[in-house]
Amino acid sequence: QGIILSEAGLERLQVDAMAGMRQGDLIALYRQGVATAASGLSHPVATAEYVTLGAKAKSTDAKAMPGDPLKCDMVCTVGGYASDMSRNFTFGSPSAEQAELHAIAERAFDDGLAALVPGATLTHVHRVATDSLARQGLRTYRRGHFGHGVGQSVFSEQWPFIAADSDVVIEAGMVLAFEIPLYIDGLASFNLEDQFLITPDGAVAMNRLPRRLERIG
């Protein structure tokens, strides 16, 4: 339910966001979308929003301007169980460099996702994602983890982590959030993140929103 509500919030933000809004205004749109979708639920709902606005992160009082990127890493907790996802937007058309940065994240996401199968270790998934980014030109990129367990409590980041030193073997029945965060000061902060149920046949996405870079405003 958390993913369904969070995506409803992001859809509201995508439709109603406009240049000139402040970060708090954008978060309010997300919360309104979540609240509308949660109407009638008997379980308590809470959200946490990790939003970055601007090529250089702006203050919360700064207004969104045409060309600004927007990262929305959203946690929605329903009845004490958290979900975690992230999508990325630009106010108007992205620059060529922003579009390419997001395309790099998408390709690395696809490569890592292909490795997210029962029997593989989380170390292997981390290595695949790191190697994909290196092949695409980010040879010095280092990341502690590319995701984590989710859904066991109110915390959005839970064991096990998709980390370089994790020998945990992926098993059917696990729920994992997989993410590719790319933060370049002066260009954009992007994080592409979905939640997956691991089945005997592989990872099944719990999200339905496209992973592409969307234009808003």
N, C-alpha and C. Protein backbone atom coordinates (compact mmCIF):
# COMPACT_ATOMS: atom_id res chain seq x y z
N GLN A 1 0.82 -1.21 0.00
CA GLN A 1 0.00 0.00 0.00
C GLN A 1 0.85 1.26 0.00
N GLY A 2 2.00 1.21 0.69
CA GLY A 2 2.85 2.39 0.74
C GLY A 2 3.30 2.85 -0.63
N ILE A 3 3.68 1.90 -1.49
CA ILE A 3 4.12 2.25 -2.84
C ILE A 3 2.97 2.86 -3.63
N ILE A 4 1.77 2.29 -3.51
CA ILE A 4 0.61 2.82 -4.24
C ILE A 4 0.34 4.26 -3.81
N LEU A 5 0.38 4.51 -2.51
CA LEU A 5 0.12 5.86 -2.02
C LEU A 5 1.22 6.83 -2.45
N SER A 6 2.48 6.38 -2.37
CA SER A 6 3.60 7.25 -2.73
C SER A 6 3.53 7.64 -4.20
N GLU A 7 3.19 6.69 -5.04
CA GLU A 7 3.08 7.00 -6.47
C GLU A 7 1.91 7.94 -6.74
N ALA A 8 0.84 7.82 -5.98
CA ALA A 8 -0.27 8.76 -6.12
C ALA A 8 0.18 10.17 -5.76
N GLY A 9 1.02 10.27 -4.73
CA GLY A 9 1.56 11.57 -4.35
C GLY A 9 2.45 12.16 -5.43
N LEU A 10 3.30 11.32 -6.03
CA LEU A 10 4.19 11.81 -7.09
C LEU A 10 3.40 12.20 -8.34
N GLU A 11 2.32 11.48 -8.62
CA GLU A 11 1.48 11.86 -9.77
C GLU A 11 0.84 13.22 -9.53
N ARG A 12 0.41 13.48 -8.31
CA ARG A 12 -0.17 14.80 -8.00
C ARG A 12 0.89 15.88 -8.18
N LEU A 13 2.09 15.62 -7.69
CA LEU A 13 3.18 16.58 -7.84
C LEU A 13 3.48 16.83 -9.31
N GLN A 14 3.55 15.77 -10.10
CA GLN A 14 3.89 15.91 -11.51
C GLN A 14 2.87 16.75 -12.26
N VAL A 15 1.61 16.61 -11.92
CA VAL A 15 0.55 17.35 -12.61
C VAL A 15 0.51 18.81 -12.20
N ASP A 16 0.69 19.08 -10.91
CA ASP A 16 0.41 20.42 -10.38
C ASP A 16 1.65 21.27 -10.08
N ALA A 17 2.84 20.69 -10.15
CA ALA A 17 4.05 21.47 -9.87
C ALA A 17 4.22 22.57 -10.90
N MET A 18 4.67 23.73 -10.46
CA MET A 18 4.91 24.86 -11.36
C MET A 18 6.19 25.58 -10.94
N ALA A 19 6.86 26.15 -11.93
CA ALA A 19 7.99 27.02 -11.62
C ALA A 19 7.50 28.15 -10.72
N GLY A 20 8.33 28.55 -9.77
CA GLY A 20 7.95 29.56 -8.81
C GLY A 20 7.56 28.98 -7.46
N MET A 21 7.29 27.66 -7.44
CA MET A 21 6.98 27.02 -6.17
C MET A 21 8.25 26.80 -5.37
N ARG A 22 8.11 26.78 -4.07
CA ARG A 22 9.20 26.44 -3.17
C ARG A 22 9.18 24.95 -2.86
N GLN A 23 10.29 24.49 -2.29
CA GLN A 23 10.40 23.07 -1.97
C GLN A 23 9.23 22.60 -1.10
N GLY A 24 8.85 23.41 -0.12
CA GLY A 24 7.74 23.05 0.75
C GLY A 24 6.42 22.93 -0.01
N ASP A 25 6.24 23.77 -1.03
CA ASP A 25 5.03 23.69 -1.84
C ASP A 25 4.98 22.36 -2.60
N LEU A 26 6.13 21.94 -3.11
CA LEU A 26 6.19 20.69 -3.87
C LEU A 26 5.93 19.49 -2.97
N ILE A 27 6.50 19.51 -1.77
CA ILE A 27 6.26 18.43 -0.82
C ILE A 27 4.78 18.41 -0.42
N ALA A 28 4.17 19.59 -0.29
CA ALA A 28 2.75 19.66 0.07
C ALA A 28 1.89 19.00 -1.01
N LEU A 29 2.25 19.18 -2.28
CA LEU A 29 1.50 18.53 -3.36
C LEU A 29 1.58 17.01 -3.23
N TYR A 30 2.78 16.52 -2.94
CA TYR A 30 2.96 15.07 -2.75
C TYR A 30 2.09 14.58 -1.60
N ARG A 31 2.14 15.28 -0.50
CA ARG A 31 1.37 14.85 0.68
C ARG A 31 -0.13 14.88 0.41
N GLN A 32 -0.57 15.87 -0.37
CA GLN A 32 -1.99 15.93 -0.71
C GLN A 32 -2.41 14.73 -1.55
N GLY A 33 -1.54 14.35 -2.50
CA GLY A 33 -1.83 13.18 -3.32
C GLY A 33 -1.88 11.91 -2.51
N VAL A 34 -0.96 11.78 -1.56
CA VAL A 34 -0.95 10.61 -0.67
C VAL A 34 -2.22 10.59 0.17
N ALA A 35 -2.58 11.73 0.75
CA ALA A 35 -3.74 11.80 1.64
C ALA A 35 -5.03 11.46 0.89
N THR A 36 -5.14 11.94 -0.33
CA THR A 36 -6.34 11.64 -1.13
C THR A 36 -6.44 10.15 -1.41
N ALA A 37 -5.32 9.54 -1.80
CA ALA A 37 -5.31 8.11 -2.11
C ALA A 37 -5.54 7.27 -0.86
N ALA A 38 -5.15 7.80 0.30
CA ALA A 38 -5.27 7.05 1.56
C ALA A 38 -6.63 7.21 2.21
N SER A 39 -7.50 8.02 1.63
CA SER A 39 -8.81 8.27 2.22
C SER A 39 -9.56 6.95 2.42
N GLY A 40 -10.03 6.73 3.64
CA GLY A 40 -10.77 5.51 3.93
C GLY A 40 -9.95 4.38 4.51
N LEU A 41 -8.60 4.50 4.45
CA LEU A 41 -7.76 3.46 5.04
C LEU A 41 -7.87 3.48 6.56
N SER A 42 -7.86 2.30 7.15
CA SER A 42 -7.93 2.23 8.61
C SER A 42 -6.56 2.34 9.27
N HIS A 43 -5.47 2.11 8.51
CA HIS A 43 -4.12 2.15 9.07
C HIS A 43 -3.58 3.58 9.02
N PRO A 44 -2.80 3.98 10.02
CA PRO A 44 -2.17 5.30 9.98
C PRO A 44 -1.14 5.39 8.86
N VAL A 45 -1.07 6.56 8.24
CA VAL A 45 -0.16 6.80 7.12
C VAL A 45 0.76 7.97 7.47
N ALA A 46 2.06 7.81 7.22
CA ALA A 46 3.03 8.89 7.43
C ALA A 46 3.99 8.92 6.26
N THR A 47 4.55 10.08 5.98
CA THR A 47 5.50 10.22 4.88
C THR A 47 6.78 10.92 5.35
N ALA A 48 7.84 10.65 4.63
CA ALA A 48 9.10 11.38 4.80
C ALA A 48 9.63 11.66 3.40
N GLU A 49 10.03 12.90 3.16
CA GLU A 49 10.41 13.31 1.81
C GLU A 49 11.85 13.80 1.79
N TYR A 50 12.65 13.20 0.92
CA TYR A 50 14.05 13.59 0.76
C TYR A 50 14.17 14.21 -0.64
N VAL A 51 13.98 15.53 -0.67
CA VAL A 51 13.84 16.26 -1.93
C VAL A 51 15.06 17.14 -2.15
N THR A 52 15.58 17.13 -3.38
CA THR A 52 16.66 18.04 -3.75
C THR A 52 16.22 18.82 -4.97
N LEU A 53 16.19 20.14 -4.84
CA LEU A 53 15.77 21.03 -5.92
C LEU A 53 16.96 21.83 -6.40
N GLY A 54 17.18 21.82 -7.72
CA GLY A 54 18.22 22.66 -8.30
C GLY A 54 19.48 21.92 -8.67
N ALA A 55 20.22 22.48 -9.63
CA ALA A 55 21.50 21.89 -10.03
C ALA A 55 22.49 21.93 -8.87
N LYS A 56 22.46 23.02 -8.13
CA LYS A 56 23.08 23.10 -6.81
C LYS A 56 21.92 23.13 -5.82
N ALA A 57 21.95 22.27 -4.82
CA ALA A 57 20.81 22.16 -3.91
C ALA A 57 20.41 23.53 -3.37
N LYS A 58 19.15 23.90 -3.57
CA LYS A 58 18.66 25.19 -3.13
C LYS A 58 18.18 25.13 -1.68
N SER A 59 18.10 26.30 -1.07
CA SER A 59 17.50 26.37 0.25
C SER A 59 16.01 26.09 0.13
N THR A 60 15.38 25.74 1.25
CA THR A 60 13.96 25.41 1.22
C THR A 60 13.09 26.61 0.83
N ASP A 61 13.64 27.82 0.96
CA ASP A 61 12.88 29.02 0.62
C ASP A 61 13.05 29.44 -0.83
N ALA A 62 14.01 28.84 -1.53
CA ALA A 62 14.25 29.23 -2.92
C ALA A 62 13.15 28.69 -3.83
N LYS A 63 12.89 29.41 -4.90
CA LYS A 63 11.83 29.03 -5.83
C LYS A 63 12.38 28.18 -6.97
N ALA A 64 11.56 27.25 -7.43
CA ALA A 64 11.91 26.44 -8.60
C ALA A 64 11.91 27.32 -9.84
N MET A 65 12.94 27.14 -10.66
CA MET A 65 13.10 27.90 -11.89
C MET A 65 13.15 26.96 -13.08
N PRO A 66 12.80 27.46 -14.29
CA PRO A 66 12.91 26.62 -15.48
C PRO A 66 14.32 26.04 -15.61
N GLY A 67 14.41 24.76 -15.88
CA GLY A 67 15.70 24.08 -16.00
C GLY A 67 16.14 23.39 -14.73
N ASP A 68 15.49 23.69 -13.60
CA ASP A 68 15.88 23.06 -12.33
C ASP A 68 15.54 21.57 -12.34
N PRO A 69 16.48 20.72 -11.91
CA PRO A 69 16.15 19.32 -11.65
C PRO A 69 15.52 19.17 -10.28
N LEU A 70 14.75 18.09 -10.10
CA LEU A 70 14.09 17.82 -8.83
C LEU A 70 14.17 16.32 -8.55
N LYS A 71 14.84 15.97 -7.47
CA LYS A 71 14.89 14.57 -7.01
C LYS A 71 13.86 14.38 -5.90
N CYS A 72 13.03 13.35 -6.03
CA CYS A 72 12.01 13.05 -5.03
C CYS A 72 12.20 11.63 -4.52
N ASP A 73 12.89 11.49 -3.40
CA ASP A 73 13.13 10.21 -2.75
C ASP A 73 12.14 10.13 -1.59
N MET A 74 11.09 9.31 -1.77
CA MET A 74 9.94 9.37 -0.88
C MET A 74 9.74 8.08 -0.09
N VAL A 75 9.46 8.25 1.19
CA VAL A 75 9.15 7.14 2.09
C VAL A 75 7.70 7.30 2.54
N CYS A 76 6.93 6.25 2.37
CA CYS A 76 5.54 6.26 2.84
C CYS A 76 5.34 5.06 3.75
N THR A 77 4.90 5.32 4.97
CA THR A 77 4.72 4.27 5.97
C THR A 77 3.23 4.08 6.24
N VAL A 78 2.79 2.84 6.12
CA VAL A 78 1.38 2.50 6.33
C VAL A 78 1.30 1.44 7.43
N GLY A 79 0.63 1.77 8.50
CA GLY A 79 0.47 0.82 9.59
C GLY A 79 1.78 0.34 10.18
N GLY A 80 2.81 1.20 10.15
CA GLY A 80 4.09 0.84 10.74
C GLY A 80 5.07 0.17 9.80
N TYR A 81 4.72 0.02 8.51
CA TYR A 81 5.61 -0.63 7.54
C TYR A 81 5.94 0.35 6.42
N ALA A 82 7.25 0.55 6.20
CA ALA A 82 7.70 1.59 5.27
C ALA A 82 7.87 1.06 3.86
N SER A 83 7.66 1.94 2.90
CA SER A 83 8.04 1.72 1.50
C SER A 83 9.03 2.81 1.11
N ASP A 84 9.74 2.59 0.01
CA ASP A 84 10.80 3.52 -0.39
C ASP A 84 10.91 3.54 -1.90
N MET A 85 10.90 4.73 -2.50
CA MET A 85 11.04 4.85 -3.95
C MET A 85 11.57 6.24 -4.28
N SER A 86 12.08 6.40 -5.50
CA SER A 86 12.57 7.71 -5.92
C SER A 86 12.37 7.90 -7.41
N ARG A 87 11.94 9.12 -7.77
CA ARG A 87 11.81 9.52 -9.17
C ARG A 87 12.40 10.92 -9.35
N ASN A 88 12.65 11.27 -10.62
CA ASN A 88 13.36 12.51 -10.93
C ASN A 88 12.62 13.31 -11.99
N PHE A 89 12.70 14.63 -11.87
CA PHE A 89 11.97 15.53 -12.75
C PHE A 89 12.87 16.72 -13.12
N THR A 90 12.47 17.43 -14.18
CA THR A 90 13.05 18.74 -14.47
C THR A 90 11.92 19.70 -14.77
N PHE A 91 12.11 20.94 -14.36
CA PHE A 91 11.15 21.99 -14.69
C PHE A 91 11.40 22.43 -16.13
N GLY A 92 10.57 21.97 -17.03
CA GLY A 92 10.80 22.18 -18.45
C GLY A 92 11.79 21.15 -18.97
N SER A 93 12.38 21.45 -20.11
CA SER A 93 13.28 20.50 -20.75
C SER A 93 14.60 20.40 -19.99
N PRO A 94 15.12 19.18 -19.84
CA PRO A 94 16.44 19.04 -19.21
C PRO A 94 17.53 19.48 -20.16
N SER A 95 18.67 19.84 -19.62
CA SER A 95 19.84 20.08 -20.48
C SER A 95 20.31 18.74 -21.04
N ALA A 96 21.13 18.80 -22.07
CA ALA A 96 21.67 17.56 -22.65
C ALA A 96 22.45 16.78 -21.60
N GLU A 97 23.18 17.48 -20.75
CA GLU A 97 23.99 16.82 -19.72
C GLU A 97 23.10 16.17 -18.65
N GLN A 98 22.01 16.84 -18.29
CA GLN A 98 21.09 16.25 -17.31
C GLN A 98 20.42 15.01 -17.89
N ALA A 99 20.00 15.10 -19.15
CA ALA A 99 19.36 13.95 -19.79
C ALA A 99 20.31 12.76 -19.87
N GLU A 100 21.58 13.02 -20.17
CA GLU A 100 22.55 11.93 -20.26
C GLU A 100 22.84 11.34 -18.88
N LEU A 101 22.92 12.19 -17.85
CA LEU A 101 23.15 11.68 -16.50
C LEU A 101 22.03 10.73 -16.09
N HIS A 102 20.80 11.11 -16.38
CA HIS A 102 19.69 10.23 -16.03
C HIS A 102 19.71 8.96 -16.87
N ALA A 103 20.08 9.07 -18.13
CA ALA A 103 20.18 7.88 -18.99
C ALA A 103 21.23 6.91 -18.45
N ILE A 104 22.32 7.44 -17.93
CA ILE A 104 23.35 6.59 -17.30
C ILE A 104 22.75 5.84 -16.12
N ALA A 105 21.98 6.56 -15.29
CA ALA A 105 21.33 5.92 -14.14
C ALA A 105 20.36 4.82 -14.60
N GLU A 106 19.61 5.09 -15.66
CA GLU A 106 18.65 4.10 -16.16
C GLU A 106 19.36 2.85 -16.65
N ARG A 107 20.47 3.03 -17.38
CA ARG A 107 21.19 1.86 -17.90
C ARG A 107 21.81 1.05 -16.77
N ALA A 108 22.39 1.74 -15.78
CA ALA A 108 22.97 1.04 -14.65
C ALA A 108 21.89 0.33 -13.84
N PHE A 109 20.72 0.96 -13.75
CA PHE A 109 19.59 0.34 -13.05
C PHE A 109 19.21 -0.97 -13.74
N ASP A 110 19.08 -0.93 -15.07
CA ASP A 110 18.71 -2.13 -15.82
C ASP A 110 19.76 -3.23 -15.66
N ASP A 111 21.03 -2.84 -15.68
CA ASP A 111 22.10 -3.84 -15.53
C ASP A 111 22.06 -4.48 -14.15
N GLY A 112 21.92 -3.66 -13.12
CA GLY A 112 21.87 -4.20 -11.77
C GLY A 112 20.63 -5.04 -11.53
N LEU A 113 19.50 -4.61 -12.09
CA LEU A 113 18.25 -5.35 -11.92
C LEU A 113 18.36 -6.75 -12.52
N ALA A 114 19.05 -6.88 -13.63
CA ALA A 114 19.21 -8.19 -14.26
C ALA A 114 19.95 -9.16 -13.35
N ALA A 115 20.76 -8.62 -12.43
CA ALA A 115 21.52 -9.46 -11.50
C ALA A 115 20.77 -9.73 -10.20
N LEU A 116 19.64 -9.10 -10.02
CA LEU A 116 18.88 -9.21 -8.77
C LEU A 116 17.99 -10.45 -8.83
N VAL A 117 18.60 -11.61 -8.73
CA VAL A 117 17.89 -12.88 -8.91
C VAL A 117 18.23 -13.82 -7.75
N PRO A 118 17.33 -14.75 -7.43
CA PRO A 118 17.63 -15.71 -6.37
C PRO A 118 18.91 -16.48 -6.64
N GLY A 119 19.72 -16.64 -5.60
CA GLY A 119 20.98 -17.36 -5.72
C GLY A 119 22.18 -16.46 -5.87
N ALA A 120 21.98 -15.24 -6.35
CA ALA A 120 23.08 -14.28 -6.46
C ALA A 120 23.32 -13.62 -5.11
N THR A 121 24.53 -13.16 -4.89
CA THR A 121 24.81 -12.42 -3.66
C THR A 121 24.58 -10.93 -3.88
N LEU A 122 24.33 -10.22 -2.80
CA LEU A 122 24.16 -8.77 -2.91
C LEU A 122 25.47 -8.10 -3.31
N THR A 123 26.59 -8.69 -2.96
CA THR A 123 27.89 -8.19 -3.42
C THR A 123 27.95 -8.19 -4.94
N HIS A 124 27.45 -9.26 -5.56
CA HIS A 124 27.48 -9.36 -7.01
C HIS A 124 26.63 -8.25 -7.64
N VAL A 125 25.46 -7.98 -7.09
CA VAL A 125 24.61 -6.92 -7.63
C VAL A 125 25.32 -5.57 -7.52
N HIS A 126 25.96 -5.32 -6.38
CA HIS A 126 26.71 -4.08 -6.19
C HIS A 126 27.81 -3.95 -7.24
N ARG A 127 28.52 -5.05 -7.49
CA ARG A 127 29.61 -5.04 -8.47
C ARG A 127 29.09 -4.77 -9.89
N VAL A 128 27.97 -5.38 -10.22
CA VAL A 128 27.40 -5.19 -11.56
C VAL A 128 27.02 -3.73 -11.77
N ALA A 129 26.37 -3.12 -10.78
CA ALA A 129 25.97 -1.71 -10.90
C ALA A 129 27.19 -0.80 -10.98
N THR A 130 28.20 -1.07 -10.16
CA THR A 130 29.42 -0.26 -10.18
C THR A 130 30.13 -0.38 -11.52
N ASP A 131 30.23 -1.59 -12.05
CA ASP A 131 30.88 -1.82 -13.34
C ASP A 131 30.13 -1.13 -14.47
N SER A 132 28.80 -1.14 -14.41
CA SER A 132 28.00 -0.48 -15.43
C SER A 132 28.27 1.03 -15.45
N LEU A 133 28.32 1.63 -14.28
CA LEU A 133 28.61 3.06 -14.21
C LEU A 133 30.02 3.37 -14.71
N ALA A 134 30.97 2.49 -14.40
CA ALA A 134 32.35 2.69 -14.86
C ALA A 134 32.42 2.62 -16.38
N ARG A 135 31.72 1.67 -16.98
CA ARG A 135 31.72 1.54 -18.45
C ARG A 135 31.14 2.77 -19.11
N GLN A 136 30.25 3.45 -18.40
CA GLN A 136 29.60 4.63 -18.95
C GLN A 136 30.35 5.92 -18.65
N GLY A 137 31.55 5.79 -18.10
CA GLY A 137 32.40 6.96 -17.89
C GLY A 137 32.56 7.40 -16.46
N LEU A 138 31.81 6.82 -15.53
CA LEU A 138 31.93 7.21 -14.12
C LEU A 138 32.87 6.25 -13.42
N ARG A 139 34.12 6.28 -13.82
CA ARG A 139 35.09 5.30 -13.35
C ARG A 139 35.50 5.50 -11.90
N THR A 140 35.36 6.70 -11.38
CA THR A 140 35.75 6.94 -9.98
C THR A 140 34.55 6.91 -9.04
N TYR A 141 33.38 6.58 -9.56
CA TYR A 141 32.17 6.56 -8.73
C TYR A 141 32.28 5.48 -7.67
N ARG A 142 31.96 5.84 -6.43
CA ARG A 142 31.93 4.89 -5.34
C ARG A 142 30.63 5.08 -4.55
N ARG A 143 30.02 3.99 -4.20
CA ARG A 143 28.76 4.03 -3.47
C ARG A 143 28.75 2.93 -2.43
N GLY A 144 28.39 3.29 -1.18
CA GLY A 144 28.38 2.31 -0.12
C GLY A 144 27.37 1.20 -0.35
N HIS A 145 26.19 1.56 -0.84
CA HIS A 145 25.19 0.53 -1.16
C HIS A 145 24.28 1.02 -2.27
N PHE A 146 23.68 0.08 -2.97
CA PHE A 146 22.72 0.36 -4.05
C PHE A 146 21.32 -0.10 -3.66
N GLY A 147 21.02 -0.08 -2.38
CA GLY A 147 19.70 -0.47 -1.95
C GLY A 147 19.74 -1.29 -0.69
N HIS A 148 18.56 -1.79 -0.30
CA HIS A 148 18.42 -2.35 1.04
C HIS A 148 17.09 -3.08 1.17
N GLY A 149 16.99 -3.81 2.28
CA GLY A 149 15.71 -4.40 2.62
C GLY A 149 14.71 -3.33 2.99
N VAL A 150 13.42 -3.67 2.90
CA VAL A 150 12.39 -2.68 3.21
C VAL A 150 11.11 -3.43 3.58
N GLY A 151 10.24 -2.76 4.35
CA GLY A 151 8.93 -3.31 4.64
C GLY A 151 8.81 -4.06 5.95
N GLN A 152 9.89 -4.14 6.72
CA GLN A 152 9.83 -4.88 7.98
C GLN A 152 9.52 -4.00 9.17
N SER A 153 9.66 -2.67 9.00
CA SER A 153 9.42 -1.75 10.11
C SER A 153 9.25 -0.34 9.55
N VAL A 154 9.25 0.66 10.44
CA VAL A 154 9.06 2.05 10.01
C VAL A 154 10.32 2.61 9.35
N PHE A 155 11.46 1.94 9.51
CA PHE A 155 12.70 2.46 8.93
C PHE A 155 12.73 2.15 7.44
N SER A 156 13.10 3.16 6.63
CA SER A 156 13.09 2.95 5.18
C SER A 156 14.30 2.16 4.70
N GLU A 157 15.42 2.25 5.43
CA GLU A 157 16.62 1.49 5.05
C GLU A 157 16.87 0.42 6.10
N GLN A 158 16.73 -0.82 5.69
CA GLN A 158 16.84 -1.94 6.61
C GLN A 158 17.79 -2.98 6.03
N TRP A 159 18.36 -3.78 6.92
CA TRP A 159 19.18 -4.92 6.49
C TRP A 159 18.30 -5.87 5.66
N PRO A 160 18.89 -6.52 4.64
CA PRO A 160 20.30 -6.47 4.19
C PRO A 160 20.53 -5.36 3.18
N PHE A 161 21.78 -4.92 3.08
CA PHE A 161 22.14 -3.86 2.15
C PHE A 161 22.82 -4.44 0.90
N ILE A 162 22.54 -3.82 -0.23
CA ILE A 162 23.18 -4.22 -1.49
C ILE A 162 24.54 -3.53 -1.53
N ALA A 163 25.47 -4.09 -0.76
CA ALA A 163 26.75 -3.45 -0.50
C ALA A 163 27.90 -4.32 -0.99
N ALA A 164 29.07 -3.69 -1.14
CA ALA A 164 30.24 -4.39 -1.68
C ALA A 164 30.69 -5.52 -0.77
N ASP A 165 30.40 -5.43 0.52
CA ASP A 165 30.89 -6.44 1.46
C ASP A 165 29.77 -7.35 1.96
N SER A 166 28.63 -7.39 1.27
CA SER A 166 27.50 -8.19 1.73
C SER A 166 27.49 -9.54 1.01
N ASP A 167 27.66 -10.62 1.79
CA ASP A 167 27.62 -11.95 1.20
C ASP A 167 26.24 -12.59 1.33
N VAL A 168 25.23 -11.77 1.65
CA VAL A 168 23.86 -12.27 1.75
C VAL A 168 23.40 -12.78 0.38
N VAL A 169 22.82 -13.96 0.36
CA VAL A 169 22.31 -14.55 -0.87
C VAL A 169 20.85 -14.14 -1.06
N ILE A 170 20.51 -13.71 -2.24
CA ILE A 170 19.14 -13.30 -2.55
C ILE A 170 18.24 -14.53 -2.54
N GLU A 171 17.10 -14.40 -1.86
CA GLU A 171 16.15 -15.51 -1.75
C GLU A 171 14.75 -15.06 -2.15
N ALA A 172 13.98 -15.98 -2.69
CA ALA A 172 12.57 -15.71 -2.98
C ALA A 172 11.86 -15.32 -1.70
N GLY A 173 11.00 -14.32 -1.80
CA GLY A 173 10.26 -13.82 -0.65
C GLY A 173 10.82 -12.55 -0.07
N MET A 174 12.09 -12.22 -0.42
CA MET A 174 12.67 -10.96 0.04
C MET A 174 11.97 -9.77 -0.64
N VAL A 175 11.93 -8.64 0.04
CA VAL A 175 11.53 -7.37 -0.56
C VAL A 175 12.72 -6.43 -0.45
N LEU A 176 13.20 -5.97 -1.59
CA LEU A 176 14.40 -5.13 -1.64
C LEU A 176 14.12 -3.85 -2.42
N ALA A 177 14.66 -2.74 -1.93
CA ALA A 177 14.68 -1.50 -2.69
C ALA A 177 16.03 -1.41 -3.39
N PHE A 178 15.99 -1.24 -4.72
CA PHE A 178 17.21 -1.12 -5.51
C PHE A 178 17.28 0.30 -6.05
N GLU A 179 18.45 0.94 -5.95
CA GLU A 179 18.56 2.35 -6.32
C GLU A 179 19.91 2.65 -6.97
N ILE A 180 19.88 3.66 -7.84
CA ILE A 180 21.09 4.21 -8.45
C ILE A 180 21.09 5.71 -8.18
N PRO A 181 21.82 6.17 -7.15
CA PRO A 181 21.90 7.60 -6.86
C PRO A 181 23.10 8.23 -7.58
N LEU A 182 22.85 9.33 -8.28
CA LEU A 182 23.92 10.08 -8.95
C LEU A 182 23.76 11.54 -8.59
N TYR A 183 24.71 12.07 -7.82
CA TYR A 183 24.65 13.45 -7.36
C TYR A 183 25.88 14.20 -7.88
N ILE A 184 25.68 15.14 -8.79
CA ILE A 184 26.77 15.95 -9.32
C ILE A 184 26.44 17.42 -9.08
N ASP A 185 27.15 18.04 -8.17
CA ASP A 185 26.89 19.43 -7.81
C ASP A 185 27.07 20.33 -9.02
N GLY A 186 26.08 21.14 -9.30
CA GLY A 186 26.11 22.02 -10.45
C GLY A 186 25.43 21.43 -11.67
N LEU A 187 25.04 20.16 -11.61
CA LEU A 187 24.34 19.52 -12.73
C LEU A 187 22.97 19.01 -12.28
N ALA A 188 22.96 18.05 -11.37
CA ALA A 188 21.69 17.50 -10.87
C ALA A 188 21.97 16.50 -9.76
N SER A 189 20.97 16.30 -8.93
CA SER A 189 20.93 15.17 -8.00
C SER A 189 19.78 14.27 -8.46
N PHE A 190 20.11 13.07 -8.90
CA PHE A 190 19.12 12.11 -9.35
C PHE A 190 19.24 10.83 -8.52
N ASN A 191 18.12 10.24 -8.19
CA ASN A 191 18.12 8.91 -7.58
C ASN A 191 16.97 8.13 -8.18
N LEU A 192 17.29 7.01 -8.80
CA LEU A 192 16.30 6.14 -9.40
C LEU A 192 16.14 4.93 -8.49
N GLU A 193 14.94 4.74 -7.93
CA GLU A 193 14.76 3.69 -6.93
C GLU A 193 13.38 3.07 -7.05
N ASP A 194 13.37 1.74 -7.09
CA ASP A 194 12.14 0.95 -7.08
C ASP A 194 12.22 -0.09 -5.98
N GLN A 195 11.05 -0.60 -5.62
CA GLN A 195 10.94 -1.68 -4.64
C GLN A 195 10.57 -2.97 -5.38
N PHE A 196 11.21 -4.07 -5.00
CA PHE A 196 11.01 -5.33 -5.71
C PHE A 196 10.68 -6.47 -4.76
N LEU A 197 9.77 -7.33 -5.19
CA LEU A 197 9.54 -8.61 -4.54
C LEU A 197 10.35 -9.66 -5.29
N ILE A 198 11.18 -10.38 -4.58
CA ILE A 198 11.98 -11.43 -5.21
C ILE A 198 11.14 -12.70 -5.29
N THR A 199 10.96 -13.22 -6.49
CA THR A 199 10.23 -14.46 -6.72
C THR A 199 11.20 -15.51 -7.22
N PRO A 200 10.79 -16.78 -7.28
CA PRO A 200 11.70 -17.80 -7.83
C PRO A 200 12.17 -17.50 -9.24
N ASP A 201 11.40 -16.69 -9.98
CA ASP A 201 11.76 -16.37 -11.36
C ASP A 201 12.49 -15.04 -11.50
N GLY A 202 12.70 -14.33 -10.40
CA GLY A 202 13.41 -13.05 -10.48
C GLY A 202 12.70 -11.96 -9.72
N ALA A 203 13.16 -10.73 -9.93
CA ALA A 203 12.62 -9.57 -9.21
C ALA A 203 11.38 -9.03 -9.92
N VAL A 204 10.32 -8.81 -9.17
CA VAL A 204 9.08 -8.25 -9.71
C VAL A 204 8.88 -6.86 -9.12
N ALA A 205 8.79 -5.86 -9.98
CA ALA A 205 8.65 -4.48 -9.52
C ALA A 205 7.32 -4.28 -8.82
N MET A 206 7.35 -3.58 -7.70
CA MET A 206 6.13 -3.21 -6.99
C MET A 206 5.67 -1.81 -7.41
N ASN A 207 6.47 -1.13 -8.22
CA ASN A 207 6.14 0.20 -8.73
C ASN A 207 5.53 0.09 -10.12
N ARG A 208 4.77 1.12 -10.49
CA ARG A 208 4.21 1.16 -11.83
C ARG A 208 4.61 2.43 -12.59
N LEU A 209 5.09 3.47 -11.90
CA LEU A 209 5.47 4.69 -12.60
C LEU A 209 6.70 4.47 -13.45
N PRO A 210 6.75 5.06 -14.65
CA PRO A 210 7.94 4.92 -15.50
C PRO A 210 9.18 5.45 -14.80
N ARG A 211 10.33 4.88 -15.15
CA ARG A 211 11.58 5.31 -14.52
C ARG A 211 12.25 6.44 -15.29
N ARG A 212 11.64 6.93 -16.34
CA ARG A 212 12.26 7.98 -17.15
C ARG A 212 12.26 9.32 -16.41
N LEU A 213 13.10 10.22 -16.90
CA LEU A 213 13.16 11.59 -16.40
C LEU A 213 11.94 12.34 -16.94
N GLU A 214 11.10 12.86 -16.03
CA GLU A 214 9.84 13.49 -16.43
C GLU A 214 9.97 15.01 -16.36
N ARG A 215 9.26 15.69 -17.26
CA ARG A 215 9.21 17.15 -17.25
C ARG A 215 7.98 17.62 -16.48
N ILE A 216 8.16 18.64 -15.68
CA ILE A 216 7.06 19.22 -14.91
C ILE A 216 7.08 20.74 -15.05
N GLY A 217 6.03 21.36 -14.54
CA GLY A 217 6.00 22.80 -14.46
C GLY A 217 5.66 23.52 -15.73
